[in-house]
C-alpha atoms as a PDB file:
ATOM      1  CA  MET A   1      48.418 -67.897 -55.978  1.00  0.00           C
ATOM      2  CA  THR A   2      49.219 -70.915 -53.786  1.00  0.00           C
ATOM      3  CA  THR A   3      47.583 -74.074 -55.127  1.00  0.00           C
ATOM      4  CA  LEU A   4      46.691 -77.274 -53.292  1.00  0.00           C
ATOM      5  CA  CYS A   5      49.631 -79.019 -54.978  1.00  0.00           C
ATOM      6  CA  ASP A   6      51.964 -76.252 -53.756  1.00  0.00           C
ATOM      7  CA  MET A   7      50.660 -76.805 -50.239  1.00  0.00           C
ATOM      8  CA  ALA A   8      51.244 -80.542 -50.534  1.00  0.00           C
ATOM      9  CA  VAL A   9      54.831 -80.114 -51.692  1.00  0.00           C
ATOM     10  CA  ASP A  10      55.511 -77.659 -48.854  1.00  0.00           C
ATOM     11  CA  VAL A  11      54.372 -80.282 -46.350  1.00  0.00           C
ATOM     12  CA  LEU A  12      56.412 -83.001 -48.063  1.00  0.00           C
ATOM     13  CA  THR A  13      59.593 -80.903 -48.017  1.00  0.00           C
ATOM     14  CA  THR A  14      59.310 -79.968 -44.323  1.00  0.00           C
ATOM     15  CA  ALA A  15      61.513 -82.220 -42.183  1.00  0.00           C
ATOM     16  CA  ASP A  16      60.487 -81.666 -38.545  1.00  0.00           C
ATOM     17  CA  GLY A  17      57.461 -83.749 -37.575  1.00  0.00           C
ATOM     18  CA  ARG A  18      55.707 -81.130 -35.451  1.00  0.00           C
ATOM     19  CA  GLU A  19      56.352 -78.427 -38.062  1.00  0.00           C
ATOM     20  CA  LYS A  20      55.227 -80.722 -40.891  1.00  0.00           C
ATOM     21  CA  THR A  21      51.973 -81.543 -39.151  1.00  0.00           C
ATOM     22  CA  ALA A  22      51.338 -77.905 -38.192  1.00  0.00           C
ATOM     23  CA  LYS A  23      51.600 -76.941 -41.869  1.00  0.00           C
ATOM     24  CA  SER A  24      49.425 -79.896 -42.822  1.00  0.00           C
ATOM     25  CA  ARG A  25      46.653 -78.881 -40.435  1.00  0.00           C
ATOM     26  CA  ALA A  26      46.862 -75.197 -41.413  1.00  0.00           C
ATOM     27  CA  TYR A  27      46.627 -76.007 -45.116  1.00  0.00           C
ATOM     28  CA  ALA A  28      43.707 -78.362 -44.511  1.00  0.00           C
ATOM     29  CA  ALA A  29      41.887 -75.593 -42.632  1.00  0.00           C
ATOM     30  CA  GLN A  30      42.565 -73.180 -45.533  1.00  0.00           C
ATOM     31  CA  TRP A  31      41.284 -75.706 -48.061  1.00  0.00           C
ATOM     32  CA  PHE A  32      38.013 -76.349 -46.247  1.00  0.00           C
ATOM     33  CA  ALA A  33      37.468 -72.672 -45.389  1.00  0.00           C
ATOM     34  CA  ALA A  34      37.816 -71.790 -49.071  1.00  0.00           C
ATOM     35  CA  ARG A  35      35.456 -74.606 -50.038  1.00  0.00           C
ATOM     36  CA  ALA A  36      32.875 -73.388 -47.507  1.00  0.00           C
ATOM     37  CA  ALA A  37      33.170 -69.841 -48.867  1.00  0.00           C
ATOM     38  CA  GLY A  38      32.460 -71.058 -52.381  1.00  0.00           C
ATOM     39  CA  ALA A  39      35.920 -70.046 -53.611  1.00  0.00           C
ATOM     40  CA  PRO A  40      37.871 -73.324 -53.758  1.00  0.00           C
ATOM     41  CA  ILE A  41      41.648 -73.259 -53.962  1.00  0.00           C
ATOM     42  CA  GLU A  42      42.988 -74.300 -57.357  1.00  0.00           C
ATOM     43  CA  ILE A  43      44.404 -77.844 -57.503  1.00  0.00           C
ATOM     44  CA  GLY A  44      47.310 -76.791 -59.714  1.00  0.00           C
ATOM     45  CA  ARG A  45      50.433 -78.780 -60.529  1.00  0.00           C
ATOM     46  CA  ALA A  46      53.697 -79.178 -58.620  1.00  0.00           C
ATOM     47  CA  ASP A  47      56.530 -81.699 -58.563  1.00  0.00           C
ATOM     48  CA  PRO A  48      56.572 -83.726 -55.321  1.00  0.00           C
ATOM     49  CA  PRO A  49      59.915 -85.125 -54.143  1.00  0.00           C
ATOM     50  CA  LEU A  50      60.506 -88.842 -54.626  1.00  0.00           C
ATOM     51  CA  ARG A  51      61.057 -89.036 -50.856  1.00  0.00           C
ATOM     52  CA  PRO A  52      59.681 -86.586 -48.276  1.00  0.00           C
ATOM     53  CA  SER A  53      61.982 -84.627 -45.994  1.00  0.00           C
ATOM     54  CA  ARG A  54      62.613 -86.350 -42.678  1.00  0.00           C
ATOM     55  CA  PRO A  55      64.069 -85.272 -39.317  1.00  0.00           C
ATOM     56  CA  THR A  56      67.604 -86.449 -38.463  1.00  0.00           C
ATOM     57  CA  ALA A  57      66.094 -88.823 -35.897  1.00  0.00           C
ATOM     58  CA  PRO A  58      64.833 -91.500 -35.703  1.00  0.00           C
ATOM     59  CA  GLU A  59      67.499 -93.643 -37.275  1.00  0.00           C
ATOM     60  CA  LEU A  60      65.818 -95.689 -40.012  1.00  0.00           C
ATOM     61  CA  LEU A  61      66.673 -99.396 -40.033  1.00  0.00           C
ATOM     62  CA  ASN A  62      65.835-102.411 -42.130  1.00  0.00           C
ATOM     63  CA  PRO A  63      62.591-103.847 -40.655  1.00  0.00           C
ATOM     64  CA  ARG A  64      64.384-106.986 -39.419  1.00  0.00           C
ATOM     65  CA  ASP A  65      66.947-104.854 -37.562  1.00  0.00           C
ATOM     66  CA  VAL A  66      64.444-102.843 -35.509  1.00  0.00           C
ATOM     67  CA  PRO A  67      64.802-104.092 -31.899  1.00  0.00           C
ATOM     68  CA  LYS A  68      61.914-106.185 -30.587  1.00  0.00           C
ATOM     69  CA  ARG A  69      60.551-105.201 -27.174  1.00  0.00           C
ATOM     70  CA  LYS A  70      57.910-106.887 -25.044  1.00  0.00           C
ATOM     71  CA  PRO A  71      54.773-104.746 -25.406  1.00  0.00           C
ATOM     72  CA  GLY A  72      53.710-105.367 -21.808  1.00  0.00           C
ATOM     73  CA  SER A  73      56.794-103.658 -20.351  1.00  0.00           C
ATOM     74  CA  PRO A  74      57.084 -99.862 -19.908  1.00  0.00           C
ATOM     75  CA  GLN A  75      59.840 -99.694 -22.531  1.00  0.00           C
ATOM     76  CA  GLY A  76      57.798-101.924 -24.801  1.00  0.00           C
ATOM     77  CA  ARG A  77      54.820 -99.578 -24.561  1.00  0.00           C
ATOM     78  CA  ILE A  78      57.059 -96.604 -25.409  1.00  0.00           C
ATOM     79  CA  ALA A  79      58.381 -98.538 -28.405  1.00  0.00           C
ATOM     80  CA  LEU A  80      54.829 -99.284 -29.529  1.00  0.00           C
ATOM     81  CA  LEU A  81      53.802 -95.619 -29.302  1.00  0.00           C
ATOM     82  CA  HIS A  82      56.970 -94.649 -31.162  1.00  0.00           C
ATOM     83  CA  ALA A  83      56.191 -97.123 -33.948  1.00  0.00           C
ATOM     84  CA  VAL A  84      52.661 -95.751 -34.299  1.00  0.00           C
ATOM     85  CA  ALA A  85      53.985 -92.160 -34.383  1.00  0.00           C
ATOM     86  CA  HIS A  86      56.332 -93.189 -37.200  1.00  0.00           C
ATOM     87  CA  ILE A  87      53.475 -94.771 -39.140  1.00  0.00           C
ATOM     88  CA  GLU A  88      51.312 -91.679 -38.687  1.00  0.00           C
ATOM     89  CA  LEU A  89      54.044 -89.306 -39.868  1.00  0.00           C
ATOM     90  CA  ASN A  90      54.530 -91.405 -42.983  1.00  0.00           C
ATOM     91  CA  ALA A  91      50.769 -91.397 -43.495  1.00  0.00           C
ATOM     92  CA  VAL A  92      50.734 -87.576 -43.456  1.00  0.00           C
ATOM     93  CA  ASP A  93      53.207 -87.595 -46.322  1.00  0.00           C
ATOM     94  CA  LEU A  94      51.465 -90.410 -48.183  1.00  0.00           C
ATOM     95  CA  HIS A  95      48.146 -88.563 -48.159  1.00  0.00           C
ATOM     96  CA  TRP A  96      49.640 -85.271 -49.293  1.00  0.00           C
ATOM     97  CA  ASP A  97      51.824 -86.994 -51.902  1.00  0.00           C
ATOM     98  CA  ILE A  98      48.876 -88.559 -53.746  1.00  0.00           C
ATOM     99  CA  ILE A  99      47.539 -85.080 -54.599  1.00  0.00           C
ATOM    100  CA  PRO A 100      50.409 -83.623 -56.673  1.00  0.00           C
ATOM    101  CA  ARG A 101      51.701 -87.059 -57.742  1.00  0.00           C
ATOM    102  CA  PHE A 102      48.553 -87.745 -59.716  1.00  0.00           C
ATOM    103  CA  ALA A 103      47.269 -84.218 -60.349  1.00  0.00           C
ATOM    104  CA  HIS A 104      47.492 -84.871 -64.102  1.00  0.00           C
ATOM    105  CA  ILE A 105      44.568 -87.297 -63.725  1.00  0.00           C
ATOM    106  CA  THR A 106      41.223 -85.503 -63.623  1.00  0.00           C
ATOM    107  CA  MET A 107      39.334 -86.312 -60.430  1.00  0.00           C
ATOM    108  CA  PRO A 108      36.184 -84.918 -58.769  1.00  0.00           C
ATOM    109  CA  ILE A 109      36.662 -82.254 -56.094  1.00  0.00           C
ATOM    110  CA  GLY A 110      35.492 -84.793 -53.501  1.00  0.00           C
ATOM    111  CA  PHE A 111      38.701 -86.769 -54.049  1.00  0.00           C
ATOM    112  CA  TYR A 112      40.738 -83.800 -52.826  1.00  0.00           C
ATOM    113  CA  ASP A 113      38.357 -83.194 -49.924  1.00  0.00           C
ATOM    114  CA  ASP A 114      38.875 -86.776 -48.767  1.00  0.00           C
ATOM    115  CA  TRP A 115      42.672 -86.803 -48.925  1.00  0.00           C
ATOM    116  CA  VAL A 116      43.112 -83.370 -47.364  1.00  0.00           C
ATOM    117  CA  LYS A 117      40.842 -84.515 -44.525  1.00  0.00           C
ATOM    118  CA  ALA A 118      42.810 -87.757 -44.179  1.00  0.00           C
ATOM    119  CA  ALA A 119      46.131 -85.877 -44.097  1.00  0.00           C
ATOM    120  CA  ASP A 120      44.732 -83.516 -41.454  1.00  0.00           C
ATOM    121  CA  GLU A 121      43.600 -86.434 -39.300  1.00  0.00           C
ATOM    122  CA  GLU A 122      46.937 -88.252 -39.684  1.00  0.00           C
ATOM    123  CA  SER A 123      48.645 -85.042 -38.546  1.00  0.00           C
ATOM    124  CA  LYS A 124      46.447 -85.035 -35.453  1.00  0.00           C
ATOM    125  CA  HIS A 125      47.289 -88.710 -34.867  1.00  0.00           C
ATOM    126  CA  PHE A 126      51.041 -88.052 -35.037  1.00  0.00           C
ATOM    127  CA  ASN A 127      50.729 -85.260 -32.495  1.00  0.00           C
ATOM    128  CA  LEU A 128      48.615 -87.427 -30.181  1.00  0.00           C
ATOM    129  CA  MET A 129      51.324 -90.104 -30.251  1.00  0.00           C
ATOM    130  CA  CYS A 130      54.032 -87.504 -29.616  1.00  0.00           C
ATOM    131  CA  ASP A 131      52.066 -86.179 -26.648  1.00  0.00           C
ATOM    132  CA  CYS A 132      51.777 -89.699 -25.224  1.00  0.00           C
ATOM    133  CA  LEU A 133      55.517 -90.277 -25.669  1.00  0.00           C
ATOM    134  CA  GLU A 134      56.347 -87.000 -23.954  1.00  0.00           C
ATOM    135  CA  GLU A 135      54.050 -87.930 -21.077  1.00  0.00           C
ATOM    136  CA  LEU A 136      56.327 -90.965 -20.632  1.00  0.00           C
ATOM    137  CA  ASP A 137      59.511 -88.826 -20.778  1.00  0.00           C
ATOM    138  CA  SER A 138      60.303 -89.925 -24.318  1.00  0.00           C
ATOM    139  CA  HIS A 139      59.860 -88.364 -27.766  1.00  0.00           C
ATOM    140  CA  TYR A 140      59.599 -89.212 -31.438  1.00  0.00           C
ATOM    141  CA  GLY A 141      63.133 -89.905 -32.640  1.00  0.00           C
ATOM    142  CA  ALA A 142      64.296 -91.473 -29.377  1.00  0.00           C
ATOM    143  CA  LEU A 143      64.198 -94.989 -30.896  1.00  0.00           C
ATOM    144  CA  PRO A 144      65.098 -96.419 -34.307  1.00  0.00           C
ATOM    145  CA  ALA A 145      62.255 -96.922 -36.768  1.00  0.00           C
ATOM    146  CA  HIS A 146      61.221 -98.955 -39.786  1.00  0.00           C
ATOM    147  CA  ALA A 147      62.895 -97.795 -43.048  1.00  0.00           C
ATOM    148  CA  GLY A 148      60.391 -99.475 -45.354  1.00  0.00           C
ATOM    149  CA  MET A 149      57.369 -97.256 -44.743  1.00  0.00           C
ATOM    150  CA  TRP A 150      57.839 -95.180 -47.903  1.00  0.00           C
ATOM    151  CA  ARG A 151      58.474 -98.181 -50.145  1.00  0.00           C
ATOM    152  CA  ALA A 152      54.830 -98.458 -51.191  1.00  0.00           C
ATOM    153  CA  ALA A 153      54.905 -94.856 -52.404  1.00  0.00           C
ATOM    154  CA  GLU A 154      58.056 -95.417 -54.443  1.00  0.00           C
ATOM    155  CA  ASP A 155      56.747 -98.662 -55.906  1.00  0.00           C
ATOM    156  CA  THR A 156      53.491 -96.999 -57.043  1.00  0.00           C
ATOM    157  CA  VAL A 157      54.972 -93.660 -58.103  1.00  0.00           C
ATOM    158  CA  ASP A 158      53.476 -94.029 -61.603  1.00  0.00           C
ATOM    159  CA  ASP A 159      50.391 -96.089 -60.770  1.00  0.00           C
ATOM    160  CA  PHE A 160      47.426 -94.245 -59.291  1.00  0.00           C
ATOM    161  CA  MET A 161      45.257 -97.339 -58.831  1.00  0.00           C
ATOM    162  CA  GLY A 162      48.220 -99.233 -57.413  1.00  0.00           C
ATOM    163  CA  ARG A 163      48.746 -96.488 -54.833  1.00  0.00           C
ATOM    164  CA  LEU A 164      45.103 -96.649 -53.740  1.00  0.00           C
ATOM    165  CA  ALA A 165      45.153-100.441 -53.585  1.00  0.00           C
ATOM    166  CA  VAL A 166      48.327-100.774 -51.531  1.00  0.00           C
ATOM    167  CA  VAL A 167      48.328 -97.756 -49.200  1.00  0.00           C
ATOM    168  CA  PRO A 168      44.784 -97.303 -47.859  1.00  0.00           C
ATOM    169  CA  MET A 169      43.314-100.680 -48.842  1.00  0.00           C
ATOM    170  CA  VAL A 170      46.193-102.872 -47.590  1.00  0.00           C
ATOM    171  CA  LEU A 171      48.519-100.938 -45.277  1.00  0.00           C
ATOM    172  CA  GLU A 172      45.906 -98.797 -43.534  1.00  0.00           C
ATOM    173  CA  ALA A 173      43.444-101.679 -43.447  1.00  0.00           C
ATOM    174  CA  ARG A 174      46.084-103.591 -41.476  1.00  0.00           C
ATOM    175  CA  GLY A 175      45.808-100.887 -38.830  1.00  0.00           C
ATOM    176  CA  LEU A 176      42.160-101.824 -38.372  1.00  0.00           C
ATOM    177  CA  ASP A 177      43.280-105.380 -37.585  1.00  0.00           C
ATOM    178  CA  VAL A 178      45.991-104.582 -35.016  1.00  0.00           C
ATOM    179  CA  THR A 179      44.816-101.429 -33.235  1.00  0.00           C
ATOM    180  CA  PRO A 180      42.247-103.113 -30.941  1.00  0.00           C
ATOM    181  CA  GLY A 181      45.038-105.302 -29.519  1.00  0.00           C
ATOM    182  CA  MET A 182      47.215-102.247 -28.922  1.00  0.00           C
ATOM    183  CA  ILE A 183      44.375-100.477 -27.142  1.00  0.00           C
ATOM    184  CA  GLU A 184      44.020-103.482 -24.831  1.00  0.00           C
ATOM    185  CA  ILE A 185      47.750-103.428 -23.977  1.00  0.00           C
ATOM    186  CA  PHE A 186      47.506 -99.810 -22.807  1.00  0.00           C
ATOM    187  CA  ARG A 187      44.179-100.345 -21.067  1.00  0.00           C
ATOM    188  CA  LYS A 188      45.736-103.124 -18.966  1.00  0.00           C
ATOM    189  CA  ALA A 189      48.540-100.710 -18.027  1.00  0.00           C
ATOM    190  CA  ASP A 190      46.011 -97.993 -17.053  1.00  0.00           C
ATOM    191  CA  ALA A 191      47.621 -95.735 -19.664  1.00  0.00           C
ATOM    192  CA  ASN A 192      44.485 -93.680 -20.215  1.00  0.00           C
ATOM    193  CA  SER A 193      46.019 -91.046 -22.515  1.00  0.00           C
ATOM    194  CA  ALA A 194      47.311 -93.710 -24.883  1.00  0.00           C
ATOM    195  CA  VAL A 195      43.980 -95.553 -24.830  1.00  0.00           C
ATOM    196  CA  SER A 196      42.089 -92.362 -25.699  1.00  0.00           C
ATOM    197  CA  ALA A 197      44.546 -91.455 -28.468  1.00  0.00           C
ATOM    198  CA  LEU A 198      44.475 -94.918 -30.031  1.00  0.00           C
ATOM    199  CA  GLU A 199      40.680 -94.976 -29.909  1.00  0.00           C
ATOM    200  CA  VAL A 200      40.619 -91.712 -31.896  1.00  0.00           C
ATOM    201  CA  ILE A 201      43.048 -93.187 -34.420  1.00  0.00           C
ATOM    202  CA  TYR A 202      41.072 -96.420 -34.692  1.00  0.00           C
ATOM    203  CA  GLY A 203      37.804 -94.593 -35.365  1.00  0.00           C
ATOM    204  CA  GLU A 204      39.245 -92.274 -38.006  1.00  0.00           C
ATOM    205  CA  GLU A 205      41.348 -94.839 -39.853  1.00  0.00           C
ATOM    206  CA  VAL A 206      38.145 -96.577 -40.977  1.00  0.00           C
ATOM    207  CA  GLY A 207      37.394 -93.464 -43.015  1.00  0.00           C
ATOM    208  CA  HIS A 208      40.833 -93.464 -44.640  1.00  0.00           C
ATOM    209  CA  VAL A 209      40.445 -97.071 -45.782  1.00  0.00           C
ATOM    210  CA  ALA A 210      36.964 -96.160 -47.040  1.00  0.00           C
ATOM    211  CA  TYR A 211      38.373 -93.264 -49.089  1.00  0.00           C
ATOM    212  CA  GLY A 212      40.790 -95.660 -50.742  1.00  0.00           C
ATOM    213  CA  SER A 213      38.033 -98.150 -51.522  1.00  0.00           C
ATOM    214  CA  LYS A 214      35.678 -95.445 -52.808  1.00  0.00           C
ATOM    215  CA  TRP A 215      38.157 -93.899 -55.238  1.00  0.00           C
ATOM    216  CA  PHE A 216      39.557 -97.255 -56.304  1.00  0.00           C
ATOM    217  CA  HIS A 217      36.044 -98.334 -57.270  1.00  0.00           C
ATOM    218  CA  PHE A 218      35.502 -94.983 -58.989  1.00  0.00           C
ATOM    219  CA  LEU A 219      38.571 -95.515 -61.176  1.00  0.00           C
ATOM    220  CA  CYS A 220      37.577 -99.112 -61.895  1.00  0.00           C
ATOM    221  CA  GLY A 221      34.232 -97.822 -63.124  1.00  0.00           C
ATOM    222  CA  ARG A 222      35.948 -95.195 -65.265  1.00  0.00           C
ATOM    223  CA  HIS A 223      38.134 -97.877 -66.891  1.00  0.00           C
ATOM    224  CA  GLU A 224      35.465-100.612 -66.973  1.00  0.00           C
ATOM    225  CA  MET A 225      37.503-102.921 -64.748  1.00  0.00           C
ATOM    226  CA  ASP A 226      36.283-105.478 -62.245  1.00  0.00           C
ATOM    227  CA  PRO A 227      37.312-103.990 -58.847  1.00  0.00           C
ATOM    228  CA  LYS A 228      38.071-107.308 -57.139  1.00  0.00           C
ATOM    229  CA  ASP A 229      40.192-108.650 -60.000  1.00  0.00           C
ATOM    230  CA  ALA A 230      41.998-105.308 -60.378  1.00  0.00           C
ATOM    231  CA  PHE A 231      42.694-105.149 -56.632  1.00  0.00           C
ATOM    232  CA  HIS A 232      44.092-108.681 -56.532  1.00  0.00           C
ATOM    233  CA  GLY A 233      46.357-108.006 -59.503  1.00  0.00           C
ATOM    234  CA  LEU A 234      47.715-104.736 -58.127  1.00  0.00           C
ATOM    235  CA  VAL A 235      48.319-106.042 -54.615  1.00  0.00           C
ATOM    236  CA  ARG A 236      50.162-109.067 -55.986  1.00  0.00           C
ATOM    237  CA  LYS A 237      52.236-106.737 -58.152  1.00  0.00           C
ATOM    238  CA  TYR A 238      53.198-104.188 -55.496  1.00  0.00           C
ATOM    239  CA  PHE A 239      52.813-105.775 -52.052  1.00  0.00           C
ATOM    240  CA  LYS A 240      55.600-108.102 -50.986  1.00  0.00           C
ATOM    241  CA  GLY A 241      54.261-111.364 -49.571  1.00  0.00           C
ATOM    242  CA  ALA A 242      50.801-112.598 -48.643  1.00  0.00           C
ATOM    243  CA  LEU A 243      48.317-110.773 -46.402  1.00  0.00           C
ATOM    244  CA  LYS A 244      48.234-112.149 -42.877  1.00  0.00           C
ATOM    245  CA  PRO A 245      45.078-112.894 -40.882  1.00  0.00           C
ATOM    246  CA  PRO A 246      43.409-112.431 -38.471  1.00  0.00           C
ATOM    247  CA  PHE A 247      41.376-109.679 -40.099  1.00  0.00           C
ATOM    248  CA  ASN A 248      38.970-107.227 -38.495  1.00  0.00           C
ATOM    249  CA  GLU A 249      36.177-108.198 -40.852  1.00  0.00           C
ATOM    250  CA  GLU A 250      33.578-105.907 -39.258  1.00  0.00           C
ATOM    251  CA  LYS A 251      35.658-102.720 -39.606  1.00  0.00           C
ATOM    252  CA  ARG A 252      36.964-103.739 -43.031  1.00  0.00           C
ATOM    253  CA  ALA A 253      33.372-104.189 -44.222  1.00  0.00           C
ATOM    254  CA  GLU A 254      32.473-100.797 -42.750  1.00  0.00           C
ATOM    255  CA  ALA A 255      35.305 -99.335 -44.850  1.00  0.00           C
ATOM    256  CA  GLY A 256      34.080-100.992 -48.042  1.00  0.00           C
ATOM    257  CA  LEU A 257      36.415-104.007 -48.063  1.00  0.00           C
ATOM    258  CA  PRO A 258      34.470-107.294 -48.298  1.00  0.00           C
ATOM    259  CA  PRO A 259      36.219-110.564 -47.370  1.00  0.00           C
ATOM    260  CA  ASP A 260      36.555-111.763 -50.978  1.00  0.00           C
ATOM    261  CA  PHE A 261      38.897-108.817 -51.602  1.00  0.00           C
ATOM    262  CA  TYR A 262      41.516-109.825 -49.045  1.00  0.00           C
ATOM    263  CA  TRP A 263      41.137-113.505 -48.090  1.00  0.00           C
ATOM    264  CA  PRO A 264      42.365-114.755 -51.510  1.00  0.00           C
ATOM    265  CA  LEU A 265      45.536-112.695 -50.961  1.00  0.00           C
ATOM    266  CA  THR A 266      46.487-114.715 -47.877  1.00  0.00           C
ATOM    267  CA  GLU A 267      47.804-117.473 -50.147  1.00  0.00           C
ATOM    268  CA  PRO A 268      51.123-116.988 -51.993  1.00  0.00           C
ATOM    269  CA  VAL A 269      50.768-117.154 -55.779  1.00  0.00           C
END
């Protein structure tokens, strides 16, 4: 019988972005249909790859080598959409990876509900960005992309709480800070499809940050740890450099991240 961990590994080992996200969405639908029928799919165990399969394009470059383009220009807007598509594809893999990577740690069924839902939504986000690129006669893979996106996963490969702290509570929370500015860039260009797509992403990413915060606090309670102190220690351990304001304090609070979690991390230790 196919388990949830088997499904996750199948997604992780699929290279093509559209095919990867189609599998992701199909498996999410199977998971929730089984849950609704009262016959949940077994979590199981499976060995995820250290790195997910990737398409031959885009070329992955060191972050400092990715060409800078003015966001107000047509090519700059394509580059921005391409960068978001790349982030979303990595997020699909990150959310599926957490399931088999830490399946040896007993968690409530709601944990799996949350991350399957997040992976499904990230799959939708990737496809929305691809649709916007194609509308502009471009496609995912047409430009080089950031090679460091998977680093957080590799750094936290053996640290469940570290993964939750760095991926949803730092990296995805950063999306809450920068997405409103991106929406404004496309609104000024009358790029209505991109505006609509980014507004969907912005609304749903709040939930993904909230899932990270919820399960991080759950594990802190299990281990009798102070959540704020634990978060600060793990971010300083795994995240390179200080966090950079400005912060979207309203959306971060909505996602369960109060200011005293992140403002102290703006100063180098």
